[in-house]
C-alpha atoms as a PDB file:
ATOM      1  CA  MET A   1     -79.383  72.154 -84.628  1.00  0.00           C
ATOM      2  CA  ILE A   2     -78.469  75.683 -85.638  1.00  0.00           C
ATOM      3  CA  LYS A   3     -80.972  78.045 -84.057  1.00  0.00           C
ATOM      4  CA  LYS A   4     -78.931  81.088 -83.456  1.00  0.00           C
ATOM      5  CA  ILE A   5     -76.116  82.690 -85.421  1.00  0.00           C
ATOM      6  CA  ILE A   6     -73.790  85.411 -84.299  1.00  0.00           C
ATOM      7  CA  PHE A   7     -72.966  87.567 -87.288  1.00  0.00           C
ATOM      8  CA  ALA A   8     -69.580  89.217 -87.333  1.00  0.00           C
ATOM      9  CA  THR A   9     -70.551  92.781 -88.369  1.00  0.00           C
ATOM     10  CA  GLY A  10     -71.489  96.108 -86.975  1.00  0.00           C
ATOM     11  CA  ASN A  11     -72.656  97.211 -90.467  1.00  0.00           C
ATOM     12  CA  ALA A  12     -76.505  97.970 -90.218  1.00  0.00           C
ATOM     13  CA  GLY A  13     -76.972  97.672 -93.976  1.00  0.00           C
ATOM     14  CA  LYS A  14     -75.529  94.347 -94.075  1.00  0.00           C
ATOM     15  CA  LEU A  15     -77.442  92.923 -91.082  1.00  0.00           C
ATOM     16  CA  LYS A  16     -80.628  94.371 -92.686  1.00  0.00           C
ATOM     17  CA  GLU A  17     -79.799  92.257 -95.797  1.00  0.00           C
ATOM     18  CA  ILE A  18     -79.212  89.283 -93.968  1.00  0.00           C
ATOM     19  CA  ARG A  19     -82.082  89.288 -91.761  1.00  0.00           C
ATOM     20  CA  GLU A  20     -84.401  89.699 -94.750  1.00  0.00           C
ATOM     21  CA  ILE A  21     -82.774  86.663 -96.563  1.00  0.00           C
ATOM     22  CA  LEU A  22     -82.998  84.417 -93.564  1.00  0.00           C
ATOM     23  CA  GLU A  23     -86.525  85.593 -92.554  1.00  0.00           C
ATOM     24  CA  GLY A  24     -88.739  82.802 -91.992  1.00  0.00           C
ATOM     25  CA  SER A  25     -85.942  80.204 -91.206  1.00  0.00           C
ATOM     26  CA  GLY A  26     -86.439  80.130 -87.585  1.00  0.00           C
ATOM     27  CA  ILE A  27     -82.774  81.097 -87.120  1.00  0.00           C
ATOM     28  CA  GLU A  28     -82.046  83.948 -84.839  1.00  0.00           C
ATOM     29  CA  VAL A  29     -79.427  86.294 -86.099  1.00  0.00           C
ATOM     30  CA  VAL A  30     -77.587  88.561 -83.723  1.00  0.00           C
ATOM     31  CA  THR A  31     -74.614  90.890 -84.025  1.00  0.00           C
ATOM     32  CA  MET A  32     -71.357  90.548 -82.092  1.00  0.00           C
ATOM     33  CA  LYS A  33     -72.482  93.516 -79.942  1.00  0.00           C
ATOM     34  CA  GLU A  34     -76.001  92.257 -79.349  1.00  0.00           C
ATOM     35  CA  ALA A  35     -74.289  89.019 -78.135  1.00  0.00           C
ATOM     36  CA  GLY A  36     -72.097  90.873 -75.938  1.00  0.00           C
ATOM     37  CA  TYR A  37     -68.794  90.461 -77.664  1.00  0.00           C
ATOM     38  CA  ASN A  38     -66.388  93.437 -78.400  1.00  0.00           C
ATOM     39  CA  LEU A  39     -63.600  91.668 -80.406  1.00  0.00           C
ATOM     40  CA  ASP A  40     -60.946  93.504 -82.277  1.00  0.00           C
ATOM     41  CA  ILE A  41     -60.477  91.234 -85.480  1.00  0.00           C
ATOM     42  CA  VAL A  42     -57.535  91.671 -87.694  1.00  0.00           C
ATOM     43  CA  GLU A  43     -58.383  90.797 -91.262  1.00  0.00           C
ATOM     44  CA  ASP A  44     -55.017  89.841 -92.594  1.00  0.00           C
ATOM     45  CA  GLY A  45     -56.128  87.448 -95.138  1.00  0.00           C
ATOM     46  CA  LYS A  46     -55.187  87.622 -98.802  1.00  0.00           C
ATOM     47  CA  THR A  47     -58.661  86.779-100.250  1.00  0.00           C
ATOM     48  CA  PHE A  48     -62.335  87.400 -99.421  1.00  0.00           C
ATOM     49  CA  ASP A  49     -62.625  83.750 -98.342  1.00  0.00           C
ATOM     50  CA  GLU A  50     -59.847  84.130 -95.992  1.00  0.00           C
ATOM     51  CA  ASN A  51     -61.158  87.176 -94.188  1.00  0.00           C
ATOM     52  CA  ALA A  52     -64.498  85.929 -93.809  1.00  0.00           C
ATOM     53  CA  LEU A  53     -63.155  82.768 -92.081  1.00  0.00           C
ATOM     54  CA  ILE A  54     -60.914  84.730 -89.803  1.00  0.00           C
ATOM     55  CA  LYS A  55     -63.854  86.832 -88.484  1.00  0.00           C
ATOM     56  CA  ALA A  56     -66.239  83.787 -88.193  1.00  0.00           C
ATOM     57  CA  ARG A  57     -63.674  81.748 -86.431  1.00  0.00           C
ATOM     58  CA  THR A  58     -62.707  84.346 -83.992  1.00  0.00           C
ATOM     59  CA  VAL A  59     -66.411  84.857 -83.003  1.00  0.00           C
ATOM     60  CA  ALA A  60     -67.152  81.174 -82.805  1.00  0.00           C
ATOM     61  CA  LYS A  61     -64.148  80.626 -80.628  1.00  0.00           C
ATOM     62  CA  ALA A  62     -64.938  83.355 -78.409  1.00  0.00           C
ATOM     63  CA  SER A  63     -68.639  82.562 -77.940  1.00  0.00           C
ATOM     64  CA  GLY A  64     -68.865  78.765 -78.407  1.00  0.00           C
ATOM     65  CA  GLU A  65     -71.731  79.240 -80.810  1.00  0.00           C
ATOM     66  CA  ALA A  66     -72.403  79.260 -84.560  1.00  0.00           C
ATOM     67  CA  ALA A  67     -70.757  82.141 -86.177  1.00  0.00           C
ATOM     68  CA  MET A  68     -71.157  83.807 -89.589  1.00  0.00           C
ATOM     69  CA  SER A  69     -69.313  86.377 -91.386  1.00  0.00           C
ATOM     70  CA  ASP A  70     -68.914  88.012 -94.752  1.00  0.00           C
ATOM     71  CA  ASP A  71     -66.090  89.797 -96.608  1.00  0.00           C
ATOM     72  CA  SER A  72     -67.215  91.617 -99.578  1.00  0.00           C
ATOM     73  CA  GLY A  73     -65.742  94.277-101.850  1.00  0.00           C
ATOM     74  CA  LEU A  74     -65.706  95.752-105.226  1.00  0.00           C
ATOM     75  CA  SER A  75     -63.054  94.505-107.805  1.00  0.00           C
ATOM     76  CA  ILE A  76     -62.358  96.631-110.849  1.00  0.00           C
ATOM     77  CA  ASP A  77     -60.611  94.994-113.764  1.00  0.00           C
ATOM     78  CA  TYR A  78     -59.114  98.352-115.020  1.00  0.00           C
ATOM     79  CA  LEU A  79     -57.361  98.711-111.485  1.00  0.00           C
ATOM     80  CA  ASN A  80     -56.230  95.091-111.685  1.00  0.00           C
ATOM     81  CA  GLY A  81     -59.009  94.078-109.212  1.00  0.00           C
ATOM     82  CA  GLU A  82     -58.595  96.988-106.737  1.00  0.00           C
ATOM     83  CA  PRO A  83     -59.941  97.978-104.337  1.00  0.00           C
ATOM     84  CA  GLY A  84     -60.856  94.394-103.726  1.00  0.00           C
ATOM     85  CA  ILE A  85     -60.298  93.087-100.199  1.00  0.00           C
ATOM     86  CA  TYR A  86     -59.413  96.568 -99.336  1.00  0.00           C
ATOM     87  CA  SER A  87     -62.651  98.088-100.407  1.00  0.00           C
ATOM     88  CA  ALA A  88     -63.922  99.182 -96.853  1.00  0.00           C
ATOM     89  CA  ARG A  89     -60.202 100.446 -96.170  1.00  0.00           C
ATOM     90  CA  PHE A  90     -59.683 102.216 -99.480  1.00  0.00           C
ATOM     91  CA  MET A  91     -58.586 105.668 -98.635  1.00  0.00           C
ATOM     92  CA  GLY A  92     -59.019 104.941 -94.885  1.00  0.00           C
ATOM     93  CA  HIS A  93     -62.157 103.558 -92.956  1.00  0.00           C
ATOM     94  CA  ASP A  94     -63.240 106.953 -91.982  1.00  0.00           C
ATOM     95  CA  THR A  95     -63.299 108.485 -95.569  1.00  0.00           C
ATOM     96  CA  SER A  96     -67.022 108.913 -96.765  1.00  0.00           C
ATOM     97  CA  TYR A  97     -68.102 106.773 -99.803  1.00  0.00           C
ATOM     98  CA  ASP A  98     -68.845 110.148-101.575  1.00  0.00           C
ATOM     99  CA  ILE A  99     -65.025 110.805-101.522  1.00  0.00           C
ATOM    100  CA  LYS A 100     -64.124 107.081-102.394  1.00  0.00           C
ATOM    101  CA  ASN A 101     -66.464 106.923-105.264  1.00  0.00           C
ATOM    102  CA  ALA A 102     -65.197 110.178-106.669  1.00  0.00           C
ATOM    103  CA  LYS A 103     -61.671 109.172-106.602  1.00  0.00           C
ATOM    104  CA  LEU A 104     -62.514 105.760-108.178  1.00  0.00           C
ATOM    105  CA  LEU A 105     -64.321 107.632-111.081  1.00  0.00           C
ATOM    106  CA  GLU A 106     -61.199 109.894-111.354  1.00  0.00           C
ATOM    107  CA  MET A 107     -59.070 106.890-111.476  1.00  0.00           C
ATOM    108  CA  LEU A 108     -61.206 105.464-114.450  1.00  0.00           C
ATOM    109  CA  LYS A 109     -61.507 108.656-116.395  1.00  0.00           C
ATOM    110  CA  ASP A 110     -59.582 107.161-119.353  1.00  0.00           C
ATOM    111  CA  ALA A 111     -61.505 103.760-119.355  1.00  0.00           C
ATOM    112  CA  LYS A 112     -64.392 103.432-121.749  1.00  0.00           C
ATOM    113  CA  GLY A 113     -67.203 100.982-122.132  1.00  0.00           C
ATOM    114  CA  ASP A 114     -66.301  97.457-121.246  1.00  0.00           C
ATOM    115  CA  ALA A 115     -62.889  98.468-119.890  1.00  0.00           C
ATOM    116  CA  ARG A 116     -65.027  99.691-116.898  1.00  0.00           C
ATOM    117  CA  SER A 117     -66.015  96.116-116.009  1.00  0.00           C
ATOM    118  CA  ALA A 118     -66.110  95.331-112.411  1.00  0.00           C
ATOM    119  CA  ARG A 119     -67.889  92.982-110.026  1.00  0.00           C
ATOM    120  CA  TYR A 120     -68.958  92.839-106.352  1.00  0.00           C
ATOM    121  CA  GLU A 121     -67.672  89.878-104.539  1.00  0.00           C
ATOM    122  CA  CYS A 122     -68.859  88.242-101.354  1.00  0.00           C
ATOM    123  CA  SER A 123     -67.686  85.319 -99.333  1.00  0.00           C
ATOM    124  CA  VAL A 124     -69.856  84.108 -96.503  1.00  0.00           C
ATOM    125  CA  ALA A 125     -68.292  81.836 -93.781  1.00  0.00           C
ATOM    126  CA  LEU A 126     -70.079  79.879 -91.421  1.00  0.00           C
ATOM    127  CA  VAL A 127     -67.952  78.276 -88.380  1.00  0.00           C
ATOM    128  CA  LEU A 128     -69.728  75.774 -86.023  1.00  0.00           C
ATOM    129  CA  PRO A 129     -68.642  75.053 -82.513  1.00  0.00           C
ATOM    130  CA  ASP A 130     -67.393  71.747 -83.215  1.00  0.00           C
ATOM    131  CA  GLY A 131     -64.936  73.166 -85.820  1.00  0.00           C
ATOM    132  CA  ARG A 132     -66.606  72.416 -89.183  1.00  0.00           C
ATOM    133  CA  GLU A 133     -66.303  75.297 -91.753  1.00  0.00           C
ATOM    134  CA  PHE A 134     -68.271  76.278 -94.723  1.00  0.00           C
ATOM    135  CA  VAL A 135     -67.654  79.020 -97.153  1.00  0.00           C
ATOM    136  CA  LYS A 136     -69.767  80.266-100.212  1.00  0.00           C
ATOM    137  CA  HIS A 137     -68.481  82.822-102.741  1.00  0.00           C
ATOM    138  CA  GLU A 138     -70.696  84.709-105.169  1.00  0.00           C
ATOM    139  CA  THR A 139     -70.359  87.665-107.571  1.00  0.00           C
ATOM    140  CA  MET A 140     -72.561  90.428-109.079  1.00  0.00           C
ATOM    141  CA  GLU A 141     -71.157  91.576-112.366  1.00  0.00           C
ATOM    142  CA  GLY A 142     -71.449  95.111-113.681  1.00  0.00           C
ATOM    143  CA  LEU A 143     -69.752  98.369-114.983  1.00  0.00           C
ATOM    144  CA  ILE A 144     -68.440 101.407-113.108  1.00  0.00           C
ATOM    145  CA  ALA A 145     -70.851 104.041-114.156  1.00  0.00           C
ATOM    146  CA  ASN A 146     -69.625 107.480-115.222  1.00  0.00           C
ATOM    147  CA  ALA A 147     -71.162 109.423-112.468  1.00  0.00           C
ATOM    148  CA  PRO A 148     -72.879 108.434-109.158  1.00  0.00           C
ATOM    149  CA  ALA A 149     -76.648 107.977-109.296  1.00  0.00           C
ATOM    150  CA  GLY A 150     -79.326 106.796-106.723  1.00  0.00           C
ATOM    151  CA  GLN A 151     -80.002 107.101-102.891  1.00  0.00           C
ATOM    152  CA  ASN A 152     -80.633 103.299-102.077  1.00  0.00           C
ATOM    153  CA  GLY A 153     -77.869 100.836-101.044  1.00  0.00           C
ATOM    154  CA  PHE A 154     -74.664 101.706 -99.414  1.00  0.00           C
ATOM    155  CA  GLY A 155     -71.053 101.894-100.034  1.00  0.00           C
ATOM    156  CA  TYR A 156     -70.143 101.789-103.853  1.00  0.00           C
ATOM    157  CA  ASP A 157     -73.676 101.114-104.939  1.00  0.00           C
ATOM    158  CA  PRO A 158     -74.028 104.599-106.664  1.00  0.00           C
ATOM    159  CA  ILE A 159     -71.217 104.018-109.013  1.00  0.00           C
ATOM    160  CA  PHE A 160     -72.033 100.399-109.735  1.00  0.00           C
ATOM    161  CA  MET A 161     -73.990 100.212-112.967  1.00  0.00           C
ATOM    162  CA  LEU A 162     -76.027  97.198-113.421  1.00  0.00           C
ATOM    163  CA  PRO A 163     -76.315  96.843-117.581  1.00  0.00           C
ATOM    164  CA  GLN A 164     -79.473  94.537-117.210  1.00  0.00           C
ATOM    165  CA  TYR A 165     -81.379  97.286-115.465  1.00  0.00           C
ATOM    166  CA  GLY A 166     -79.556 100.274-117.069  1.00  0.00           C
ATOM    167  CA  LYS A 167     -79.417 101.561-113.554  1.00  0.00           C
ATOM    168  CA  THR A 168     -76.903 101.651-110.575  1.00  0.00           C
ATOM    169  CA  ALA A 169     -77.235  99.424-107.540  1.00  0.00           C
ATOM    170  CA  ALA A 170     -78.284 102.366-105.586  1.00  0.00           C
ATOM    171  CA  GLU A 171     -81.113 103.057-108.035  1.00  0.00           C
ATOM    172  CA  ILE A 172     -82.961  99.696-107.782  1.00  0.00           C
ATOM    173  CA  SER A 173     -85.257  98.734-104.814  1.00  0.00           C
ATOM    174  CA  PRO A 174     -83.480  96.754-101.880  1.00  0.00           C
ATOM    175  CA  GLU A 175     -85.849  93.732-102.778  1.00  0.00           C
ATOM    176  CA  GLU A 176     -84.426  93.831-106.508  1.00  0.00           C
ATOM    177  CA  LYS A 177     -80.860  94.135-105.181  1.00  0.00           C
ATOM    178  CA  ASN A 178     -81.215  91.252-102.835  1.00  0.00           C
ATOM    179  CA  LYS A 179     -82.433  88.942-105.686  1.00  0.00           C
ATOM    180  CA  ILE A 180     -79.152  89.499-107.761  1.00  0.00           C
ATOM    181  CA  SER A 181     -76.578  90.791-105.300  1.00  0.00           C
ATOM    182  CA  HIS A 182     -73.229  89.011-104.502  1.00  0.00           C
ATOM    183  CA  ARG A 183     -74.315  88.987-100.859  1.00  0.00           C
ATOM    184  CA  GLY A 184     -77.856  87.913-101.447  1.00  0.00           C
ATOM    185  CA  LYS A 185     -76.534  84.971-103.525  1.00  0.00           C
ATOM    186  CA  ALA A 186     -74.000  84.140-101.153  1.00  0.00           C
ATOM    187  CA  LEU A 187     -76.329  84.125 -98.221  1.00  0.00           C
ATOM    188  CA  ARG A 188     -78.911  82.136 -99.940  1.00  0.00           C
ATOM    189  CA  ALA A 189     -76.297  79.470-100.749  1.00  0.00           C
ATOM    190  CA  MET A 190     -75.254  79.486 -97.060  1.00  0.00           C
ATOM    191  CA  LYS A 191     -78.994  79.239 -96.168  1.00  0.00           C
ATOM    192  CA  GLU A 192     -79.095  76.020 -98.090  1.00  0.00           C
ATOM    193  CA  VAL A 193     -76.109  74.544 -96.169  1.00  0.00           C
ATOM    194  CA  ILE A 194     -77.715  75.504 -92.792  1.00  0.00           C
ATOM    195  CA  TYR A 195     -80.956  73.851 -93.827  1.00  0.00           C
ATOM    196  CA  LYS A 196     -79.133  70.751 -94.942  1.00  0.00           C
ATOM    197  CA  LEU A 197     -77.186  70.566 -91.641  1.00  0.00           C
ATOM    198  CA  ASN A 198     -80.333  71.116 -89.578  1.00  0.00           C
ATOM    199  CA  GLU A 199     -82.159  68.433 -91.505  1.00  0.00           C
ATOM    200  CA  GLU A 200     -79.312  65.792 -90.908  1.00  0.00           C
ATOM    201  CA  GLU A 201     -79.581  66.516 -87.092  1.00  0.00           C
ATOM    202  CA  LYS A 202     -83.229  65.984 -86.940  1.00  0.00           C
END
């Protein structure tokens, strides 16, 4: 039975999202830090799936417990899918997202309308102590806005326009975002996997 999962993240925004989605599941979610692990994980995968698995495998191996991780990013068609898996590292880890967002808007200054199509992608990986591995990949489609807007969300949300709302991901409520977000969808899909695994072990 999976009762506790160590989530390989130090990102408070992500953890809040994860705990909200798994709320009521009876599964305790703790960060690596809360579990007492300070692991330096090299994400050298070529895809979101590979990077998520690298992180989850490392934590599962170190802890002997169920480990979960996500790898996510923003893929912009006009930029051939960039920043993609390098979204967090784009222009350097310590560069503020205000600067990153401004740079991307500059890079897209000649792109109009549908040429600004983009998607958030998220892979969620679960690795169990017995070596079994599960991955779920989901997307949230949108466009890159002409200017940043909104105070909610984090990362690239202020420039990610959701046509169905006519707003950016930073202008809608966290509850609305969880329903449609790439991470929300991938986590709910993984929650079903966990429920099924726990049912089978009863």
